[in-house]
N, C-alpha and C. Protein backbone atom coordinates (compact mmCIF):
# COMPACT_ATOMS: atom_id res chain seq x y z
N UNK A 1 41.80 111.10 121.49
CA UNK A 1 42.98 111.19 120.64
C UNK A 1 43.69 109.85 120.58
N UNK A 2 43.94 109.42 119.40
CA UNK A 2 44.70 108.19 119.22
C UNK A 2 46.17 108.53 119.07
N UNK A 3 46.98 107.91 119.89
CA UNK A 3 48.43 108.10 119.80
C UNK A 3 49.02 106.92 119.07
N UNK A 4 49.96 107.17 118.16
CA UNK A 4 50.59 106.05 117.47
C UNK A 4 51.43 105.24 118.46
N UNK A 5 51.56 103.95 118.21
CA UNK A 5 52.38 103.14 119.11
C UNK A 5 53.83 103.60 119.09
N UNK A 6 54.50 103.57 120.22
CA UNK A 6 55.90 104.01 120.24
C UNK A 6 56.77 103.06 119.43
N UNK A 7 57.69 103.63 118.72
CA UNK A 7 58.64 102.83 117.95
C UNK A 7 59.97 102.80 118.69
N UNK A 8 60.52 101.64 118.80
CA UNK A 8 61.81 101.49 119.48
C UNK A 8 62.72 100.64 118.63
N UNK A 9 63.98 100.85 118.83
CA UNK A 9 64.97 100.01 118.17
C UNK A 9 65.12 98.71 118.94
N UNK A 10 65.40 97.62 118.27
CA UNK A 10 65.58 96.36 119.00
C UNK A 10 66.82 96.44 119.89
N UNK A 11 66.74 95.87 121.07
CA UNK A 11 67.86 95.87 122.02
C UNK A 11 68.70 94.62 121.80
N UNK A 12 69.49 94.66 120.74
CA UNK A 12 70.30 93.51 120.37
C UNK A 12 71.73 93.98 120.12
N UNK A 13 72.65 93.34 120.78
CA UNK A 13 74.06 93.59 120.53
C UNK A 13 74.67 92.27 120.10
N UNK A 14 75.17 92.25 118.89
CA UNK A 14 75.78 91.04 118.36
C UNK A 14 77.25 90.94 118.77
N UNK A 15 77.90 89.87 118.35
CA UNK A 15 79.31 89.70 118.73
C UNK A 15 80.23 90.78 118.16
N UNK A 16 79.94 91.27 116.95
CA UNK A 16 80.80 92.31 116.37
C UNK A 16 80.64 93.62 117.13
N UNK A 17 79.41 93.97 117.46
CA UNK A 17 79.18 95.22 118.20
C UNK A 17 79.77 95.13 119.60
N UNK A 18 79.61 93.98 120.24
CA UNK A 18 80.18 93.82 121.59
C UNK A 18 81.70 93.92 121.54
N UNK A 19 82.32 93.34 120.52
CA UNK A 19 83.77 93.42 120.37
C UNK A 19 84.21 94.86 120.13
N UNK A 20 83.47 95.58 119.30
CA UNK A 20 83.80 96.98 119.02
C UNK A 20 83.68 97.84 120.29
N UNK A 21 82.65 97.59 121.08
CA UNK A 21 82.48 98.34 122.33
C UNK A 21 83.63 98.03 123.29
N UNK A 22 84.00 96.77 123.39
CA UNK A 22 85.09 96.38 124.28
C UNK A 22 86.41 97.02 123.85
N UNK A 23 86.73 96.94 122.57
CA UNK A 23 87.98 97.52 122.07
C UNK A 23 87.98 99.04 122.26
N UNK A 24 86.84 99.68 121.98
CA UNK A 24 86.75 101.13 122.17
C UNK A 24 86.95 101.53 123.61
N UNK A 25 86.43 100.73 124.53
CA UNK A 25 86.60 101.02 125.95
C UNK A 25 88.05 100.87 126.37
N UNK A 26 88.71 99.84 125.90
CA UNK A 26 90.12 99.61 126.25
C UNK A 26 90.99 100.73 125.67
N UNK A 27 90.76 101.08 124.42
CA UNK A 27 91.56 102.14 123.81
C UNK A 27 91.24 103.48 124.45
N UNK A 28 89.96 103.72 124.75
CA UNK A 28 89.55 104.98 125.37
C UNK A 28 90.14 105.16 126.75
N UNK A 29 90.35 104.08 127.48
CA UNK A 29 90.93 104.21 128.81
C UNK A 29 92.41 104.59 128.73
N UNK A 30 93.02 104.43 127.58
CA UNK A 30 94.42 104.82 127.40
C UNK A 30 94.66 106.31 127.54
N UNK A 31 93.58 107.11 127.41
CA UNK A 31 93.73 108.55 127.54
C UNK A 31 94.19 108.93 128.95
N UNK A 32 93.99 108.06 129.91
CA UNK A 32 94.43 108.36 131.27
C UNK A 32 95.89 108.00 131.50
N UNK A 33 96.49 107.22 130.61
CA UNK A 33 97.88 106.78 130.80
C UNK A 33 98.85 107.45 129.85
N UNK A 34 98.43 107.81 128.65
CA UNK A 34 99.36 108.35 127.66
C UNK A 34 99.86 109.76 127.92
N UNK A 35 99.15 110.65 128.61
CA UNK A 35 99.72 112.00 128.80
C UNK A 35 101.06 111.99 129.50
N UNK A 36 101.23 111.10 130.45
CA UNK A 36 102.50 111.02 131.17
C UNK A 36 103.63 110.62 130.22
N UNK A 37 103.35 109.66 129.34
CA UNK A 37 104.38 109.20 128.40
C UNK A 37 104.74 110.30 127.40
N UNK A 38 103.75 111.00 126.89
CA UNK A 38 104.02 112.08 125.94
C UNK A 38 104.78 113.21 126.61
N UNK A 39 104.40 113.57 127.81
CA UNK A 39 105.10 114.64 128.53
C UNK A 39 106.55 114.25 128.82
N UNK A 40 106.79 112.97 129.06
CA UNK A 40 108.15 112.51 129.34
C UNK A 40 109.01 112.57 128.08
N UNK A 41 108.43 112.26 126.92
CA UNK A 41 109.20 112.22 125.67
C UNK A 41 109.35 113.60 125.01
N UNK A 42 108.45 114.54 125.30
CA UNK A 42 108.52 115.85 124.66
C UNK A 42 109.65 116.66 125.30
N UNK A 43 110.48 117.31 124.48
CA UNK A 43 111.59 118.08 125.04
C UNK A 43 111.14 119.34 125.79
N UNK A 44 109.98 119.89 125.46
CA UNK A 44 109.45 121.03 126.19
C UNK A 44 107.92 120.97 126.20
N UNK A 45 107.31 121.68 127.12
CA UNK A 45 105.87 121.55 127.34
C UNK A 45 105.04 122.01 126.15
N UNK A 46 105.51 122.97 125.40
CA UNK A 46 104.77 123.45 124.23
C UNK A 46 104.55 122.35 123.21
N UNK A 47 105.55 121.50 123.03
CA UNK A 47 105.42 120.40 122.08
C UNK A 47 104.38 119.39 122.56
N UNK A 48 104.32 119.17 123.85
CA UNK A 48 103.32 118.27 124.42
C UNK A 48 101.91 118.82 124.16
N UNK A 49 101.72 120.10 124.40
CA UNK A 49 100.41 120.71 124.16
C UNK A 49 100.06 120.71 122.68
N UNK A 50 101.04 120.94 121.82
CA UNK A 50 100.81 120.91 120.38
C UNK A 50 100.38 119.52 119.93
N UNK A 51 101.02 118.49 120.49
CA UNK A 51 100.65 117.11 120.15
C UNK A 51 99.21 116.83 120.51
N UNK A 52 98.78 117.25 121.69
CA UNK A 52 97.39 117.00 122.11
C UNK A 52 96.42 117.84 121.30
N UNK A 53 96.80 119.06 120.93
CA UNK A 53 95.92 119.90 120.10
C UNK A 53 95.73 119.28 118.72
N UNK A 54 96.81 118.80 118.12
CA UNK A 54 96.69 118.16 116.81
C UNK A 54 95.86 116.88 116.89
N UNK A 55 96.04 116.12 117.95
CA UNK A 55 95.22 114.92 118.14
C UNK A 55 93.75 115.28 118.28
N UNK A 56 93.47 116.35 119.00
CA UNK A 56 92.09 116.81 119.15
C UNK A 56 91.48 117.26 117.83
N UNK A 57 92.27 117.96 117.01
CA UNK A 57 91.77 118.39 115.70
C UNK A 57 91.50 117.20 114.78
N UNK A 58 92.37 116.20 114.82
CA UNK A 58 92.13 115.00 114.02
C UNK A 58 90.88 114.27 114.49
N UNK A 59 90.67 114.21 115.79
CA UNK A 59 89.48 113.57 116.33
C UNK A 59 88.23 114.34 115.93
N UNK A 60 88.28 115.67 115.99
CA UNK A 60 87.15 116.49 115.58
C UNK A 60 86.85 116.28 114.10
N UNK A 61 87.89 116.24 113.26
CA UNK A 61 87.68 116.01 111.84
C UNK A 61 87.02 114.65 111.59
N UNK A 62 87.47 113.63 112.31
CA UNK A 62 86.85 112.31 112.16
C UNK A 62 85.39 112.31 112.59
N UNK A 63 85.07 113.00 113.68
CA UNK A 63 83.69 113.07 114.15
C UNK A 63 82.81 113.82 113.14
N UNK A 64 83.33 114.88 112.55
CA UNK A 64 82.56 115.62 111.56
C UNK A 64 82.35 114.80 110.29
N UNK A 65 83.33 114.00 109.92
CA UNK A 65 83.18 113.12 108.75
C UNK A 65 82.10 112.09 109.02
N UNK A 66 82.11 111.47 110.20
CA UNK A 66 81.06 110.51 110.55
C UNK A 66 79.69 111.18 110.56
N UNK A 67 79.61 112.40 111.06
CA UNK A 67 78.33 113.11 111.08
C UNK A 67 77.84 113.38 109.65
N UNK A 68 78.74 113.74 108.77
CA UNK A 68 78.37 113.98 107.37
C UNK A 68 77.88 112.70 106.71
N UNK A 69 78.56 111.61 106.95
CA UNK A 69 78.14 110.32 106.37
C UNK A 69 76.78 109.93 106.94
N UNK A 70 76.56 110.18 108.23
CA UNK A 70 75.28 109.83 108.85
C UNK A 70 74.13 110.64 108.27
N UNK A 71 74.39 111.87 107.87
CA UNK A 71 73.31 112.66 107.27
C UNK A 71 73.05 112.25 105.82
N UNK A 72 74.06 111.75 105.13
CA UNK A 72 73.88 111.31 103.76
C UNK A 72 73.18 109.95 103.72
N UNK A 73 73.51 109.08 104.68
CA UNK A 73 72.93 107.74 104.77
C UNK A 73 72.17 107.61 106.09
N UNK A 74 70.95 108.15 106.17
CA UNK A 74 70.26 108.21 107.46
C UNK A 74 69.61 106.92 107.94
N UNK A 75 69.59 105.88 107.16
CA UNK A 75 68.91 104.65 107.56
C UNK A 75 69.74 103.87 108.56
N UNK A 76 69.14 103.41 109.67
CA UNK A 76 69.91 102.65 110.66
C UNK A 76 70.33 101.29 110.11
N UNK A 77 71.46 100.83 110.59
CA UNK A 77 71.93 99.52 110.18
C UNK A 77 72.80 99.62 109.03
């Protein structure tokens, strides 16, 4: 049996991708610091939970939009 050669993506990260990864990591680490600030500013706990729920829904909507675009434009790059 002849097996086709494995296809792999090139392991290259350019300056723009590296910058995007760095910025995403810095912003993503903010999730560990912002709950305290939101809880301090919210007049009651329900508002704090509502804020995080709305943020989660917006994040989910953004992820679904990216998934839809990825299925319409499936070519890498």
